[in-house]
Amino acid sequence: MSKYTVAGLTAWLFSGLLLGFQGIAAFMKMEDKMVWKSLTLVDFLDEGHLTWLDGIFRGTLHTVIQFIVTMPLYLLLFFTGILFFIMNQLTTRR
């Protein structure tokens, strides 16, 4: 197994664990309706680490980076795993 495969499987494992824990937390807080709170990178990082986003020109690059930073963390990990599997396929071809 290559390092990209291991990294992809690890990203998928953490994505599944995070999704499971968020589901359990939503069920435990359920009083009259279930409330789902998705965790993002913004929730984990300090605001000082994201100030560089304001310096980027308001264009496509800014929109893409803003989307990645605010997307749910379990989806970000899932797509990162897919990216690692694609990188594995590109590096093992001869």
N, C-alpha and C. Protein backbone atom coordinates (compact mmCIF):
# COMPACT_ATOMS: atom_id res chain seq x y z
N MET A 1 0.84 -1.17 0.00
CA MET A 1 0.00 0.00 0.00
C MET A 1 0.90 1.25 0.00
N SER A 2 0.59 2.17 -0.88
CA SER A 2 1.42 3.37 -0.96
C SER A 2 1.00 4.39 0.09
N LYS A 3 1.81 5.41 0.23
CA LYS A 3 1.53 6.44 1.23
C LYS A 3 0.28 7.23 0.86
N TYR A 4 -0.02 7.38 -0.43
CA TYR A 4 -1.23 8.09 -0.84
C TYR A 4 -2.49 7.28 -0.51
N THR A 5 -2.41 5.98 -0.66
CA THR A 5 -3.55 5.13 -0.30
C THR A 5 -3.82 5.19 1.20
N VAL A 6 -2.76 5.12 1.98
CA VAL A 6 -2.91 5.20 3.43
C VAL A 6 -3.48 6.55 3.83
N ALA A 7 -3.00 7.62 3.21
CA ALA A 7 -3.51 8.97 3.52
C ALA A 7 -4.98 9.09 3.12
N GLY A 8 -5.35 8.53 1.98
CA GLY A 8 -6.74 8.57 1.54
C GLY A 8 -7.66 7.79 2.46
N LEU A 9 -7.22 6.60 2.86
CA LEU A 9 -8.03 5.80 3.79
C LEU A 9 -8.14 6.47 5.15
N THR A 10 -7.07 7.10 5.60
CA THR A 10 -7.11 7.82 6.88
C THR A 10 -8.07 9.00 6.80
N ALA A 11 -8.04 9.74 5.70
CA ALA A 11 -8.97 10.87 5.54
C ALA A 11 -10.41 10.36 5.53
N TRP A 12 -10.67 9.24 4.85
CA TRP A 12 -12.02 8.69 4.84
C TRP A 12 -12.44 8.19 6.22
N LEU A 13 -11.50 7.60 6.96
CA LEU A 13 -11.80 7.13 8.31
C LEU A 13 -12.20 8.30 9.21
N PHE A 14 -11.40 9.37 9.19
CA PHE A 14 -11.72 10.54 10.02
C PHE A 14 -13.00 11.22 9.55
N SER A 15 -13.27 11.19 8.27
CA SER A 15 -14.52 11.75 7.75
C SER A 15 -15.72 10.98 8.29
N GLY A 16 -15.63 9.65 8.26
CA GLY A 16 -16.72 8.82 8.78
C GLY A 16 -16.90 8.98 10.28
N LEU A 17 -15.77 9.04 11.01
CA LEU A 17 -15.86 9.23 12.46
C LEU A 17 -16.49 10.58 12.80
N LEU A 18 -16.07 11.62 12.10
CA LEU A 18 -16.62 12.95 12.35
C LEU A 18 -18.11 13.00 12.03
N LEU A 19 -18.49 12.38 10.93
CA LEU A 19 -19.91 12.34 10.56
C LEU A 19 -20.72 11.57 11.60
N GLY A 20 -20.17 10.46 12.08
CA GLY A 20 -20.85 9.67 13.11
C GLY A 20 -21.00 10.43 14.42
N PHE A 21 -19.92 11.10 14.85
CA PHE A 21 -20.00 11.85 16.09
C PHE A 21 -20.95 13.05 15.98
N GLN A 22 -20.99 13.69 14.81
CA GLN A 22 -21.94 14.79 14.62
C GLN A 22 -23.37 14.28 14.64
N GLY A 23 -23.59 13.10 14.09
CA GLY A 23 -24.93 12.50 14.13
C GLY A 23 -25.35 12.15 15.54
N ILE A 24 -24.42 11.58 16.31
CA ILE A 24 -24.73 11.25 17.70
C ILE A 24 -25.01 12.52 18.51
N ALA A 25 -24.21 13.56 18.28
CA ALA A 25 -24.43 14.82 18.99
C ALA A 25 -25.77 15.44 18.62
N ALA A 26 -26.19 15.31 17.37
CA ALA A 26 -27.48 15.86 16.96
C ALA A 26 -28.62 15.10 17.62
N PHE A 27 -28.49 13.78 17.76
CA PHE A 27 -29.53 13.00 18.44
C PHE A 27 -29.59 13.29 19.93
N MET A 28 -28.44 13.55 20.54
CA MET A 28 -28.43 13.79 21.97
C MET A 28 -29.01 15.15 22.34
N LYS A 29 -28.92 16.12 21.44
CA LYS A 29 -29.48 17.45 21.69
C LYS A 29 -30.93 17.56 21.25
N MET A 30 -31.49 16.47 20.77
CA MET A 30 -32.83 16.49 20.21
C MET A 30 -33.87 16.61 21.33
N GLU A 31 -34.58 17.73 21.36
CA GLU A 31 -35.68 17.91 22.31
C GLU A 31 -37.00 17.79 21.56
N ASP A 32 -37.26 18.70 20.65
CA ASP A 32 -38.46 18.59 19.85
C ASP A 32 -38.14 18.40 18.37
N LYS A 33 -36.93 18.73 17.97
CA LYS A 33 -36.49 18.46 16.60
C LYS A 33 -34.98 18.29 16.59
N MET A 34 -34.50 17.60 15.59
CA MET A 34 -33.07 17.32 15.47
C MET A 34 -32.37 18.52 14.84
N VAL A 35 -31.29 18.97 15.46
CA VAL A 35 -30.52 20.11 14.95
C VAL A 35 -29.13 19.61 14.57
N TRP A 36 -28.78 19.79 13.31
CA TRP A 36 -27.49 19.33 12.80
C TRP A 36 -26.56 20.54 12.70
N LYS A 37 -25.41 20.47 13.32
CA LYS A 37 -24.41 21.52 13.23
C LYS A 37 -23.18 20.95 12.56
N SER A 38 -22.89 21.45 11.38
CA SER A 38 -21.70 21.00 10.65
C SER A 38 -20.48 21.77 11.12
N LEU A 39 -19.40 21.06 11.36
CA LEU A 39 -18.14 21.67 11.73
C LEU A 39 -17.37 22.05 10.46
N THR A 40 -16.72 23.20 10.49
CA THR A 40 -15.93 23.67 9.36
C THR A 40 -14.53 24.02 9.86
N LEU A 41 -13.64 24.35 8.93
CA LEU A 41 -12.30 24.77 9.32
C LEU A 41 -12.34 26.07 10.11
N VAL A 42 -13.32 26.92 9.82
CA VAL A 42 -13.45 28.19 10.54
C VAL A 42 -13.70 27.94 12.02
N ASP A 43 -14.41 26.85 12.35
CA ASP A 43 -14.68 26.52 13.75
C ASP A 43 -13.42 26.12 14.50
N PHE A 44 -12.44 25.55 13.81
CA PHE A 44 -11.24 25.05 14.45
C PHE A 44 -10.09 26.04 14.46
N LEU A 45 -10.02 26.89 13.44
CA LEU A 45 -8.90 27.81 13.33
C LEU A 45 -9.21 29.14 14.01
N ASP A 46 -8.18 29.77 14.52
CA ASP A 46 -8.31 31.09 15.12
C ASP A 46 -8.57 32.12 14.01
N GLU A 47 -9.28 33.18 14.34
CA GLU A 47 -9.60 34.19 13.33
C GLU A 47 -8.34 34.83 12.76
N GLY A 48 -7.28 34.89 13.54
CA GLY A 48 -6.03 35.47 13.06
C GLY A 48 -5.40 34.68 11.93
N HIS A 49 -5.67 33.37 11.89
CA HIS A 49 -5.11 32.54 10.82
C HIS A 49 -5.84 32.73 9.50
N LEU A 50 -7.02 33.29 9.51
CA LEU A 50 -7.80 33.45 8.29
C LEU A 50 -7.84 34.88 7.76
N THR A 51 -7.06 35.77 8.35
CA THR A 51 -7.07 37.16 7.89
C THR A 51 -6.44 37.31 6.50
N TRP A 52 -5.61 36.37 6.10
CA TRP A 52 -4.99 36.44 4.78
C TRP A 52 -6.03 36.30 3.67
N LEU A 53 -7.21 35.74 4.00
CA LEU A 53 -8.27 35.63 2.99
C LEU A 53 -8.78 36.98 2.54
N ASP A 54 -8.75 37.96 3.43
CA ASP A 54 -9.22 39.30 3.06
C ASP A 54 -8.28 39.99 2.10
N GLY A 55 -7.02 39.59 2.08
CA GLY A 55 -6.04 40.21 1.19
C GLY A 55 -6.07 39.67 -0.23
N ILE A 56 -6.80 38.58 -0.46
CA ILE A 56 -6.88 38.00 -1.80
C ILE A 56 -7.86 38.81 -2.63
N PHE A 57 -7.51 39.04 -3.88
CA PHE A 57 -8.38 39.77 -4.80
C PHE A 57 -9.73 39.07 -4.90
N ARG A 58 -10.79 39.82 -4.89
CA ARG A 58 -12.15 39.28 -4.92
C ARG A 58 -12.45 38.70 -6.31
N GLY A 59 -12.00 37.52 -6.53
CA GLY A 59 -12.22 36.86 -7.81
C GLY A 59 -12.52 35.39 -7.59
N THR A 60 -12.22 34.62 -8.61
CA THR A 60 -12.50 33.19 -8.56
C THR A 60 -11.68 32.49 -7.49
N LEU A 61 -10.41 32.86 -7.34
CA LEU A 61 -9.56 32.23 -6.34
C LEU A 61 -10.09 32.48 -4.93
N HIS A 62 -10.52 33.69 -4.66
CA HIS A 62 -11.09 34.02 -3.35
C HIS A 62 -12.35 33.22 -3.09
N THR A 63 -13.19 33.07 -4.09
CA THR A 63 -14.44 32.32 -3.95
C THR A 63 -14.15 30.85 -3.68
N VAL A 64 -13.18 30.27 -4.37
CA VAL A 64 -12.84 28.86 -4.18
C VAL A 64 -12.27 28.63 -2.79
N ILE A 65 -11.35 29.48 -2.36
CA ILE A 65 -10.75 29.31 -1.04
C ILE A 65 -11.80 29.52 0.05
N GLN A 66 -12.66 30.50 -0.11
CA GLN A 66 -13.73 30.74 0.86
C GLN A 66 -14.66 29.53 0.94
N PHE A 67 -14.95 28.91 -0.19
CA PHE A 67 -15.80 27.72 -0.22
C PHE A 67 -15.14 26.55 0.51
N ILE A 68 -13.84 26.36 0.29
CA ILE A 68 -13.12 25.26 0.94
C ILE A 68 -13.06 25.46 2.45
N VAL A 69 -12.83 26.69 2.89
CA VAL A 69 -12.72 26.97 4.32
C VAL A 69 -14.06 26.82 5.04
N THR A 70 -15.16 27.11 4.35
CA THR A 70 -16.47 27.06 5.00
C THR A 70 -17.27 25.79 4.69
N MET A 71 -16.71 24.87 3.92
CA MET A 71 -17.44 23.63 3.65
C MET A 71 -17.39 22.72 4.87
N PRO A 72 -18.39 21.85 5.06
CA PRO A 72 -18.37 20.95 6.21
C PRO A 72 -17.09 20.11 6.22
N LEU A 73 -16.55 19.93 7.41
CA LEU A 73 -15.25 19.27 7.55
C LEU A 73 -15.29 17.81 7.10
N TYR A 74 -16.40 17.11 7.32
CA TYR A 74 -16.47 15.72 6.89
C TYR A 74 -16.44 15.61 5.36
N LEU A 75 -17.03 16.58 4.67
CA LEU A 75 -16.95 16.57 3.20
C LEU A 75 -15.55 16.93 2.72
N LEU A 76 -14.92 17.87 3.40
CA LEU A 76 -13.55 18.24 3.04
C LEU A 76 -12.61 17.05 3.19
N LEU A 77 -12.76 16.29 4.28
CA LEU A 77 -11.93 15.10 4.47
C LEU A 77 -12.25 14.02 3.43
N PHE A 78 -13.51 13.86 3.10
CA PHE A 78 -13.90 12.87 2.10
C PHE A 78 -13.29 13.19 0.74
N PHE A 79 -13.39 14.45 0.32
CA PHE A 79 -12.84 14.84 -0.98
C PHE A 79 -11.31 14.86 -0.97
N THR A 80 -10.72 15.12 0.19
CA THR A 80 -9.26 15.01 0.31
C THR A 80 -8.83 13.57 0.13
N GLY A 81 -9.59 12.63 0.68
CA GLY A 81 -9.31 11.21 0.47
C GLY A 81 -9.37 10.84 -1.00
N ILE A 82 -10.39 11.33 -1.70
CA ILE A 82 -10.50 11.06 -3.14
C ILE A 82 -9.29 11.64 -3.88
N LEU A 83 -8.87 12.84 -3.49
CA LEU A 83 -7.70 13.46 -4.12
C LEU A 83 -6.44 12.62 -3.90
N PHE A 84 -6.29 12.07 -2.71
CA PHE A 84 -5.13 11.19 -2.45
C PHE A 84 -5.20 9.92 -3.30
N PHE A 85 -6.39 9.35 -3.49
CA PHE A 85 -6.50 8.16 -4.33
C PHE A 85 -6.18 8.49 -5.79
N ILE A 86 -6.58 9.64 -6.26
CA ILE A 86 -6.25 10.06 -7.63
C ILE A 86 -4.74 10.26 -7.76
N MET A 87 -4.13 10.90 -6.75
CA MET A 87 -2.68 11.09 -6.78
C MET A 87 -1.95 9.75 -6.79
N ASN A 88 -2.49 8.77 -6.07
CA ASN A 88 -1.89 7.44 -6.06
C ASN A 88 -1.93 6.82 -7.46
N GLN A 89 -3.05 6.97 -8.13
CA GLN A 89 -3.16 6.41 -9.47
C GLN A 89 -2.22 7.09 -10.45
N LEU A 90 -2.04 8.40 -10.30
CA LEU A 90 -1.16 9.13 -11.21
C LEU A 90 0.32 8.82 -10.98
N THR A 91 0.69 8.52 -9.73
CA THR A 91 2.11 8.26 -9.45
C THR A 91 2.50 6.80 -9.66
N THR A 92 1.55 5.87 -9.67
CA THR A 92 1.91 4.47 -9.84
C THR A 92 1.84 4.02 -11.29
N ARG A 93 1.33 4.84 -12.18
CA ARG A 93 1.29 4.44 -13.60
C ARG A 93 2.67 4.45 -14.20
N ARG A 94 2.88 3.52 -15.10
CA ARG A 94 4.20 3.45 -15.77
C ARG A 94 4.06 3.55 -17.23
